[in-house]
Amino acid sequence: MIIGVPKEIKNNENRVAVTPAGAKELVAHGHTVYIQHTAGEGSGFADAEYEAAGAKILPAIEDVYAIAEMIIKVKEPIKQEYPLIRRDQVVFTYFHFACDRELTEAMIRSGAVCIAYETVRLADGSLPLLVPMSEVAGRMSVQEGARFLEKPQGGRGVLLGGVPGVKPAKVLILGAGVVGRNAALMAAGLGADVTITDINLPTLRHVADTMPKNVKTLFSSRHNIETELPTTDLVIGSVLIPGAKAPKLVTRDMLKLMRPGTLLVDVAIDQGGCFETSTPTTHSNPTYTLDGIVHYAVANIPGAVPFTSTLALTNATLPYAIKLADKGWCEACLEDKALEQGLNIVEGRVVFPAVAEAFGLPCHKFNA
C-alpha cells in the first residue's frame, strides 16, 4: 500500500503521525511511505531520519494526498485539506466528528473511508488509541492549570500545593476516566486538595482505593458540582462519551458560584466541551475570561509536548496502521472488531451511530 504522512497544519500542532521507526516498520512490511518535507521536524525528527528508514520525502501536502492510498494523520483535516481527500482514500486520524458538522459533511462528500482513532474500541470498552493522548492531556491539564492560576496569567494567584501555613488549592475533576485519573495523580503529586467525580460507583471505588490520600471521590450530580464550585480554584473537565458530544456539566449560571480568577480547563473540548461556556482555543491564544472566570479550551493539548506525544501515539497506532496496510481497510475491519468500531464514515455514508445522531443523519450499517 502507498501510505502518506502529511505535515499537520492545525494551529501549533507539532506532532507527526508516524515516527522514523514507524516508517521503517511499514517499509519492512512491503509498503511505500511518503512523508511531507519537515513533517517530523516539530517532534524532533528530521527528513534524513525518515529517508534512512526507507521512506520517501515529498515537498508539498498536495503531493502527499495525491499519491497516497492511506493518509495517516494526528488531527482532523482542516478546511484547506478537504479538497485534497478523494473517494476510496483511507484517512486514519483523530476526527471527533460529533462536534464538527462542516468536517462531517466534507468527509461525506469526499467519499473517503474515515477511521477515527478515538472510537477504536476493545471488547472491554477501552479505547487503545485515545488512551495515550488522554494520559498526556490529563497530566498537562494540571500543568497548564497551575500556570494559568498565576495572577499574571489572569488566575486567582494560587499555588496548587500551597506552603506551610497556607492551604493548597482545591482542584475539582469532572470524570474519572483516563484523563481524570491522570489529572488527579498530577494534582495530588503537587500537593493540591483534589476531588474527582464520576457517575460510575465501581470506578469511584477503584479511584478511592488506588489514589493518594489527598484525592477524594464524589458522585457526579448537579447538586454536588454546585456545592463544590464556590471553594474550587481549578476545575478540569474530562468527561467522555466515545464518539459523541460531551454533556454540559458546568452551565453559564454556575459561573456565578465561582470566585473571580477561578480556572476552567476543558479537556473535553474535542468533543464539544463539558462546560457550556467553552469555545475552542489554541496554544498561541489559550485562554479567555468570561464573567470573571478564566477558560482554557485548547483542542490539541498534547501538541505542546510533541516529542513525548508523538512517541506515545505511534506506540499505540502503528499496529493498527500496519494491519490496515497489510490487509486493506475492509478485511482489516472485518477481522478486528475494535478497528471496525473506528469506522465513522465510509464512502459517503455515516456508519457510526453517535455521529449520525449528532446531526440527524441516517446511520448505515457497515457492509463489506
Protein backbone atom coordinates (compact mmCIF):
# COMPACT_ATOMS: atom_id res chain seq x y z
CA MET A 1 0.00 0.00 0.00
CA ILE A 2 1.08 3.60 -0.59
CA ILE A 3 0.97 5.48 2.71
CA GLY A 4 1.14 9.26 3.06
CA VAL A 5 2.02 11.26 6.16
CA PRO A 6 1.28 14.98 5.70
CA LYS A 7 2.57 17.73 7.92
CA GLU A 8 -0.01 18.82 10.48
CA ILE A 9 -1.27 22.34 9.78
CA LYS A 10 -3.62 22.87 12.73
CA ASN A 11 -2.53 25.79 14.92
CA ASN A 12 0.60 24.88 16.90
CA GLU A 13 0.23 21.17 16.14
CA ASN A 14 3.79 19.85 16.17
CA ARG A 15 3.07 16.14 16.40
CA VAL A 16 3.55 13.80 13.46
CA ALA A 17 1.56 10.62 12.84
CA VAL A 18 4.49 8.29 12.12
CA THR A 19 8.00 8.31 13.58
CA PRO A 20 11.05 7.18 11.57
CA ALA A 21 10.90 3.89 13.49
CA GLY A 22 7.25 3.51 12.49
CA ALA A 23 8.06 4.26 8.87
CA LYS A 24 10.76 1.60 8.99
CA GLU A 25 8.23 -0.99 10.19
CA LEU A 26 5.77 -0.11 7.44
CA VAL A 27 8.50 -0.32 4.80
CA ALA A 28 9.59 -3.69 6.22
CA HIS A 29 6.03 -4.91 5.56
CA GLY A 30 6.44 -4.02 1.92
CA HIS A 31 4.64 -0.69 1.89
CA THR A 32 5.75 2.61 0.37
CA VAL A 33 5.79 5.51 2.80
CA TYR A 34 5.77 9.16 1.71
CA ILE A 35 6.49 11.85 4.30
CA GLN A 36 5.87 15.52 3.63
CA HIS A 37 9.00 17.66 3.88
CA THR A 38 9.63 18.72 7.54
CA ALA A 39 6.53 16.83 8.79
CA GLY A 40 8.52 15.40 11.70
CA GLU A 41 10.56 18.47 12.48
CA GLY A 42 8.26 19.75 15.23
CA SER A 43 8.61 16.43 17.06
CA GLY A 44 12.38 16.34 16.65
CA PHE A 45 12.58 14.02 13.61
CA ALA A 46 14.49 15.23 10.55
CA ASP A 47 13.75 14.27 6.95
CA ALA A 48 17.08 12.45 6.83
CA GLU A 49 15.92 10.08 9.57
CA TYR A 50 12.85 9.13 7.54
CA GLU A 51 14.94 8.62 4.42
CA ALA A 52 17.32 6.40 6.41
CA ALA A 53 14.25 4.37 7.47
CA GLY A 54 13.29 3.82 3.84
CA ALA A 55 10.61 6.48 3.48
CA LYS A 56 10.45 9.00 0.64
CA ILE A 57 10.14 12.76 1.10
CA LEU A 58 7.65 14.85 -0.89
CA PRO A 59 7.79 18.65 -0.96
CA ALA A 60 4.14 19.64 -0.51
CA ILE A 61 0.99 18.47 1.22
CA GLU A 62 -0.81 18.26 -2.14
CA ASP A 63 1.80 15.74 -3.35
CA VAL A 64 1.25 13.51 -0.32
CA TYR A 65 -2.54 13.43 -0.65
CA ALA A 66 -2.36 12.91 -4.40
CA ILE A 67 -0.21 9.78 -4.23
CA ALA A 68 -1.36 8.05 -1.03
CA GLU A 69 -3.93 5.28 -0.77
CA MET A 70 -3.96 5.76 3.01
CA ILE A 71 -3.32 9.01 4.85
CA ILE A 72 -2.16 8.72 8.46
CA LYS A 73 -2.54 11.92 10.49
CA VAL A 74 -2.72 13.16 14.06
CA LYS A 75 -5.54 15.70 13.97
CA GLU A 76 -8.67 16.02 11.86
CA PRO A 77 -8.26 17.51 8.38
CA ILE A 78 -8.91 21.25 8.30
CA LYS A 79 -10.61 23.25 5.55
CA GLN A 80 -7.51 23.54 3.33
CA GLU A 81 -7.25 19.75 3.25
CA TYR A 82 -10.87 18.95 2.37
CA PRO A 83 -10.39 19.23 -1.43
CA LEU A 84 -7.28 17.02 -1.27
CA ILE A 85 -9.11 13.98 0.09
CA ARG A 86 -10.61 11.72 -2.56
CA ARG A 87 -13.04 8.83 -2.93
CA ASP A 88 -11.82 5.45 -1.61
CA GLN A 89 -8.82 7.03 0.13
CA VAL A 90 -8.42 5.82 3.72
CA VAL A 91 -7.88 8.57 6.30
CA PHE A 92 -6.73 7.30 9.71
CA THR A 93 -6.63 10.02 12.37
CA TYR A 94 -8.45 11.69 15.27
CA PHE A 95 -11.68 13.06 13.78
CA HIS A 96 -14.08 13.95 16.63
CA PHE A 97 -16.89 14.29 14.09
CA ALA A 98 -19.77 14.74 16.54
CA CYS A 99 -18.84 18.35 17.33
CA ASP A 100 -18.00 19.46 13.78
CA ARG A 101 -20.75 19.42 11.18
CA GLU A 102 -18.61 21.10 8.50
CA LEU A 103 -15.93 18.42 8.78
CA THR A 104 -18.54 15.65 8.78
CA GLU A 105 -20.24 16.95 5.66
CA ALA A 106 -16.88 17.46 3.91
CA MET A 107 -15.82 13.89 4.58
CA ILE A 108 -19.21 12.58 3.41
CA ARG A 109 -18.77 14.50 0.15
CA SER A 110 -15.20 13.23 -0.28
CA GLY A 111 -16.25 9.58 -0.45
CA ALA A 112 -13.23 8.64 1.67
CA VAL A 113 -13.05 5.92 4.31
CA CYS A 114 -12.68 7.75 7.62
CA ILE A 115 -11.33 5.69 10.52
CA ALA A 116 -11.22 7.60 13.81
CA TYR A 117 -8.59 6.83 16.41
CA GLU A 118 -10.93 7.92 19.20
CA THR A 119 -13.62 5.29 18.52
CA VAL A 120 -11.41 2.22 18.04
CA ARG A 121 -12.72 0.20 20.97
CA LEU A 122 -11.73 -3.10 22.54
CA ALA A 123 -14.20 -5.66 23.85
CA ASP A 124 -13.70 -4.41 27.44
CA GLY A 125 -14.77 -0.91 26.37
CA SER A 126 -11.28 0.61 26.49
CA LEU A 127 -10.08 2.99 23.77
CA PRO A 128 -6.50 1.98 22.94
CA LEU A 129 -5.76 4.84 20.54
CA LEU A 130 -7.25 7.50 22.77
CA VAL A 131 -5.57 6.36 25.99
CA PRO A 132 -2.01 7.61 25.30
CA MET A 133 -3.15 11.12 24.39
CA SER A 134 -5.63 11.11 27.27
CA GLU A 135 -2.75 10.32 29.61
CA VAL A 136 -0.77 13.25 28.22
CA ALA A 137 -3.77 15.62 28.23
CA GLY A 138 -4.73 14.66 31.79
CA ARG A 139 -1.27 15.36 33.12
CA MET A 140 -0.91 18.54 31.09
CA SER A 141 -4.29 19.84 32.24
CA VAL A 142 -2.82 20.23 35.72
CA GLN A 143 0.47 21.61 34.41
CA GLU A 144 -1.41 24.23 32.39
CA GLY A 145 -3.85 24.75 35.25
CA ALA A 146 -1.02 25.59 37.63
CA ARG A 147 0.35 28.07 35.09
CA PHE A 148 -2.90 29.91 34.40
CA LEU A 149 -3.82 30.15 38.07
CA GLU A 150 -0.91 32.57 38.32
CA LYS A 151 -2.02 36.21 38.65
CA PRO A 152 -0.05 37.47 35.62
CA GLN A 153 -1.93 34.88 33.53
CA GLY A 154 -5.32 36.06 34.76
CA GLY A 155 -5.84 33.50 37.52
CA ARG A 156 -6.52 33.86 41.24
CA GLY A 157 -2.84 33.84 42.11
CA VAL A 158 -3.00 30.48 43.87
CA LEU A 159 -0.15 27.97 44.24
CA LEU A 160 -1.52 24.46 43.72
CA GLY A 161 0.40 22.88 46.57
CA GLY A 162 0.23 25.77 49.00
CA VAL A 163 3.02 26.23 51.56
CA PRO A 164 3.31 25.53 55.30
CA GLY A 165 0.66 27.64 56.99
CA VAL A 166 -1.31 28.22 53.76
CA LYS A 167 -3.85 25.73 52.44
CA PRO A 168 -3.27 24.18 48.99
CA ALA A 169 -5.50 24.94 46.03
CA LYS A 170 -8.72 22.98 45.60
CA VAL A 171 -8.99 21.06 42.34
CA LEU A 172 -12.27 19.59 41.09
CA ILE A 173 -12.01 16.98 38.33
CA LEU A 174 -15.18 16.03 36.45
CA GLY A 175 -14.87 12.49 35.15
CA ALA A 176 -12.72 9.64 36.47
CA GLY A 177 -11.65 8.17 33.14
CA VAL A 178 -8.09 8.10 31.83
CA VAL A 179 -7.83 11.90 31.63
CA GLY A 180 -9.36 12.42 35.05
CA ARG A 181 -7.23 9.84 36.82
CA ASN A 182 -4.03 11.20 35.29
CA ALA A 183 -5.04 14.73 36.23
CA ALA A 184 -5.75 13.60 39.79
CA LEU A 185 -2.35 11.96 40.10
CA MET A 186 -0.56 15.08 38.88
CA ALA A 187 -2.58 17.44 41.06
CA ALA A 188 -2.15 15.21 44.09
CA GLY A 189 1.58 14.96 43.44
CA LEU A 190 1.82 18.76 43.53
CA GLY A 191 0.06 18.74 46.88
CA ALA A 192 -3.36 20.07 45.85
CA ASP A 193 -6.62 19.21 47.61
CA VAL A 194 -8.26 17.09 44.89
CA THR A 195 -11.87 15.97 44.42
CA ILE A 196 -12.72 13.71 41.48
CA THR A 197 -16.30 12.99 40.40
CA ASP A 198 -17.98 10.33 38.29
CA ILE A 199 -21.37 8.65 37.90
CA ASN A 200 -19.84 5.16 37.99
CA LEU A 201 -19.58 3.92 41.58
CA PRO A 202 -17.20 0.99 40.83
CA THR A 203 -14.87 3.49 39.16
CA LEU A 204 -15.01 5.78 42.20
CA ARG A 205 -14.28 2.83 44.49
CA HIS A 206 -11.24 1.95 42.38
CA VAL A 207 -10.05 5.56 42.49
CA ALA A 208 -10.55 5.68 46.26
CA ASP A 209 -8.51 2.51 46.69
CA THR A 210 -5.61 3.49 44.45
CA MET A 211 -5.17 7.27 44.66
CA PRO A 212 -3.13 9.24 47.21
CA LYS A 213 -4.91 10.35 50.39
CA ASN A 214 -5.33 13.92 49.16
CA VAL A 215 -7.69 12.68 46.43
CA LYS A 216 -11.34 12.44 47.49
CA THR A 217 -14.18 10.95 45.44
CA LEU A 218 -17.64 12.41 44.91
CA PHE A 219 -20.64 11.16 42.98
CA SER A 220 -21.25 13.44 39.99
CA SER A 221 -24.55 15.30 40.21
CA ARG A 222 -25.58 18.87 39.53
CA HIS A 223 -26.10 19.47 43.23
CA ASN A 224 -22.68 18.14 44.21
CA ILE A 225 -20.90 20.12 41.48
CA GLU A 226 -22.70 23.32 42.51
CA THR A 227 -21.72 22.69 46.13
CA GLU A 228 -18.02 22.32 45.24
CA LEU A 229 -17.65 25.25 42.83
CA PRO A 230 -17.67 28.16 45.34
CA THR A 231 -14.48 26.91 47.02
CA THR A 232 -12.72 25.42 43.99
CA ASP A 233 -9.71 27.08 42.33
CA LEU A 234 -9.25 24.80 39.31
CA VAL A 235 -11.94 22.77 37.53
CA ILE A 236 -10.82 20.15 35.00
CA GLY A 237 -13.47 18.80 32.64
CA SER A 238 -12.60 15.30 31.47
CA VAL A 239 -15.93 13.72 30.58
CA LEU A 240 -16.05 11.37 27.61
CA ILE A 241 -18.82 9.59 25.74
CA PRO A 242 -16.90 7.83 22.93
CA GLY A 243 -17.64 9.42 19.58
CA ALA A 244 -20.47 11.59 20.94
CA LYS A 245 -20.79 15.14 22.22
CA ALA A 246 -19.75 15.70 25.81
CA PRO A 247 -22.52 16.59 28.30
CA LYS A 248 -22.51 20.15 29.70
CA LEU A 249 -21.74 19.72 33.38
CA VAL A 250 -20.99 23.36 34.19
CA THR A 251 -23.57 25.84 32.89
CA ARG A 252 -23.16 29.58 32.43
CA ASP A 253 -25.30 30.20 35.52
CA MET A 254 -22.81 28.18 37.56
CA LEU A 255 -20.04 30.66 36.75
CA LYS A 256 -21.70 32.99 39.27
CA LEU A 257 -20.93 30.48 42.01
CA MET A 258 -17.17 30.73 41.45
CA ARG A 259 -14.66 33.28 42.64
CA PRO A 260 -13.09 35.62 40.05
CA GLY A 261 -9.93 34.11 38.61
CA THR A 262 -11.10 30.52 39.02
CA LEU A 263 -9.80 28.45 36.11
CA LEU A 264 -11.78 26.02 33.94
CA VAL A 265 -9.71 23.59 31.84
CA ASP A 266 -11.93 21.81 29.32
CA VAL A 267 -10.11 18.70 28.11
CA ALA A 268 -13.37 17.52 26.52
CA ILE A 269 -13.34 20.40 24.02
CA ASP A 270 -12.52 17.99 21.15
CA GLN A 271 -15.99 16.53 21.70
CA GLY A 272 -17.73 19.88 22.08
CA GLY A 273 -16.67 20.60 25.66
CA CYS A 274 -18.29 19.84 29.00
CA PHE A 275 -18.63 23.49 30.08
CA GLU A 276 -21.49 25.41 28.46
CA THR A 277 -19.26 28.47 28.03
CA SER A 278 -16.34 26.65 26.37
CA THR A 279 -15.11 27.78 22.96
CA PRO A 280 -12.06 26.09 21.37
CA THR A 281 -8.80 27.97 21.86
CA THR A 282 -5.26 27.45 20.60
CA HIS A 283 -1.79 27.17 22.09
CA SER A 284 -0.99 30.63 20.74
CA ASN A 285 -4.08 32.13 22.43
CA PRO A 286 -5.07 29.54 25.06
CA THR A 287 -7.41 31.38 27.43
CA TYR A 288 -10.24 33.85 27.62
CA THR A 289 -12.20 35.26 30.57
CA LEU A 290 -15.99 35.21 30.80
CA ASP A 291 -17.91 36.52 33.82
CA GLY A 292 -14.58 36.71 35.66
CA ILE A 293 -13.81 33.02 35.11
CA VAL A 294 -10.74 32.02 33.09
CA HIS A 295 -11.35 29.36 30.43
CA TYR A 296 -8.64 27.17 28.90
CA ALA A 297 -10.01 25.11 25.99
CA VAL A 298 -7.10 24.18 23.76
CA ALA A 299 -8.27 21.46 21.39
CA ASN A 300 -4.89 19.77 20.97
CA ILE A 301 -3.29 19.93 24.41
CA PRO A 302 -0.75 17.12 23.74
CA GLY A 303 0.55 19.10 20.76
CA ALA A 304 2.51 21.26 23.20
CA VAL A 305 4.78 18.32 24.08
CA PRO A 306 5.15 16.77 20.61
CA PHE A 307 8.22 14.64 21.23
CA THR A 308 6.55 12.76 24.09
CA SER A 309 3.13 12.74 22.41
CA THR A 310 4.33 11.52 19.02
CA LEU A 311 6.17 8.57 20.53
CA ALA A 312 3.23 7.66 22.75
CA LEU A 313 0.74 7.94 19.88
CA THR A 314 2.80 5.90 17.42
CA ASN A 315 3.28 3.16 20.02
CA ALA A 316 -0.50 2.74 20.00
CA THR A 317 -1.47 3.42 16.39
CA LEU A 318 1.29 1.61 14.49
CA PRO A 319 -0.05 -1.96 14.94
CA TYR A 320 -3.42 -0.86 13.57
CA ALA A 321 -1.82 1.09 10.72
CA ILE A 322 0.17 -1.99 9.74
CA LYS A 323 -2.97 -4.13 9.83
CA LEU A 324 -4.83 -1.65 7.60
CA ALA A 325 -1.93 -1.51 5.15
CA ASP A 326 -1.31 -5.26 5.08
CA LYS A 327 -4.92 -6.38 4.65
CA GLY A 328 -6.71 -3.34 3.26
CA TRP A 329 -9.23 -1.41 5.34
CA CYS A 330 -12.22 -3.69 4.65
CA GLU A 331 -10.61 -7.02 5.52
CA ALA A 332 -8.78 -5.49 8.48
CA CYS A 333 -12.02 -4.15 9.95
CA LEU A 334 -13.86 -7.43 9.36
CA GLU A 335 -11.13 -9.33 11.21
CA ASP A 336 -10.64 -6.82 14.04
CA LYS A 337 -13.84 -5.72 15.77
CA ALA A 338 -12.00 -2.99 17.68
CA LEU A 339 -10.81 -1.48 14.43
CA GLU A 340 -14.29 -1.81 12.94
CA GLN A 341 -15.53 0.47 15.73
CA GLY A 342 -13.19 3.10 14.30
CA LEU A 343 -15.18 3.31 11.07
CA ASN A 344 -17.14 6.59 11.17
CA ILE A 345 -17.78 7.49 7.52
CA VAL A 346 -17.43 5.03 4.65
CA GLU A 347 -17.67 6.17 1.03
CA GLY A 348 -20.19 8.92 1.72
CA ARG A 349 -22.21 7.15 4.43
CA VAL A 350 -22.12 7.67 8.17
CA VAL A 351 -21.70 4.30 9.89
CA PHE A 352 -21.08 5.43 13.49
CA PRO A 353 -24.34 5.94 15.42
CA ALA A 354 -23.23 8.83 17.65
CA VAL A 355 -22.11 10.88 14.63
CA ALA A 356 -25.39 10.26 12.81
CA GLU A 357 -27.35 11.16 15.94
CA ALA A 358 -25.40 14.39 16.46
CA PHE A 359 -26.52 15.78 13.11
CA GLY A 360 -29.78 13.94 12.47
CA LEU A 361 -28.27 11.92 9.65
CA PRO A 362 -29.14 8.33 8.66
CA CYS A 363 -26.80 5.74 10.10
CA HIS A 364 -25.85 2.95 7.74
CA LYS A 365 -24.57 -0.47 8.68
CA PHE A 366 -21.05 -1.27 7.58
CA ASN A 367 -21.24 -3.95 4.91
CA ALA A 368 -18.15 -5.43 3.31
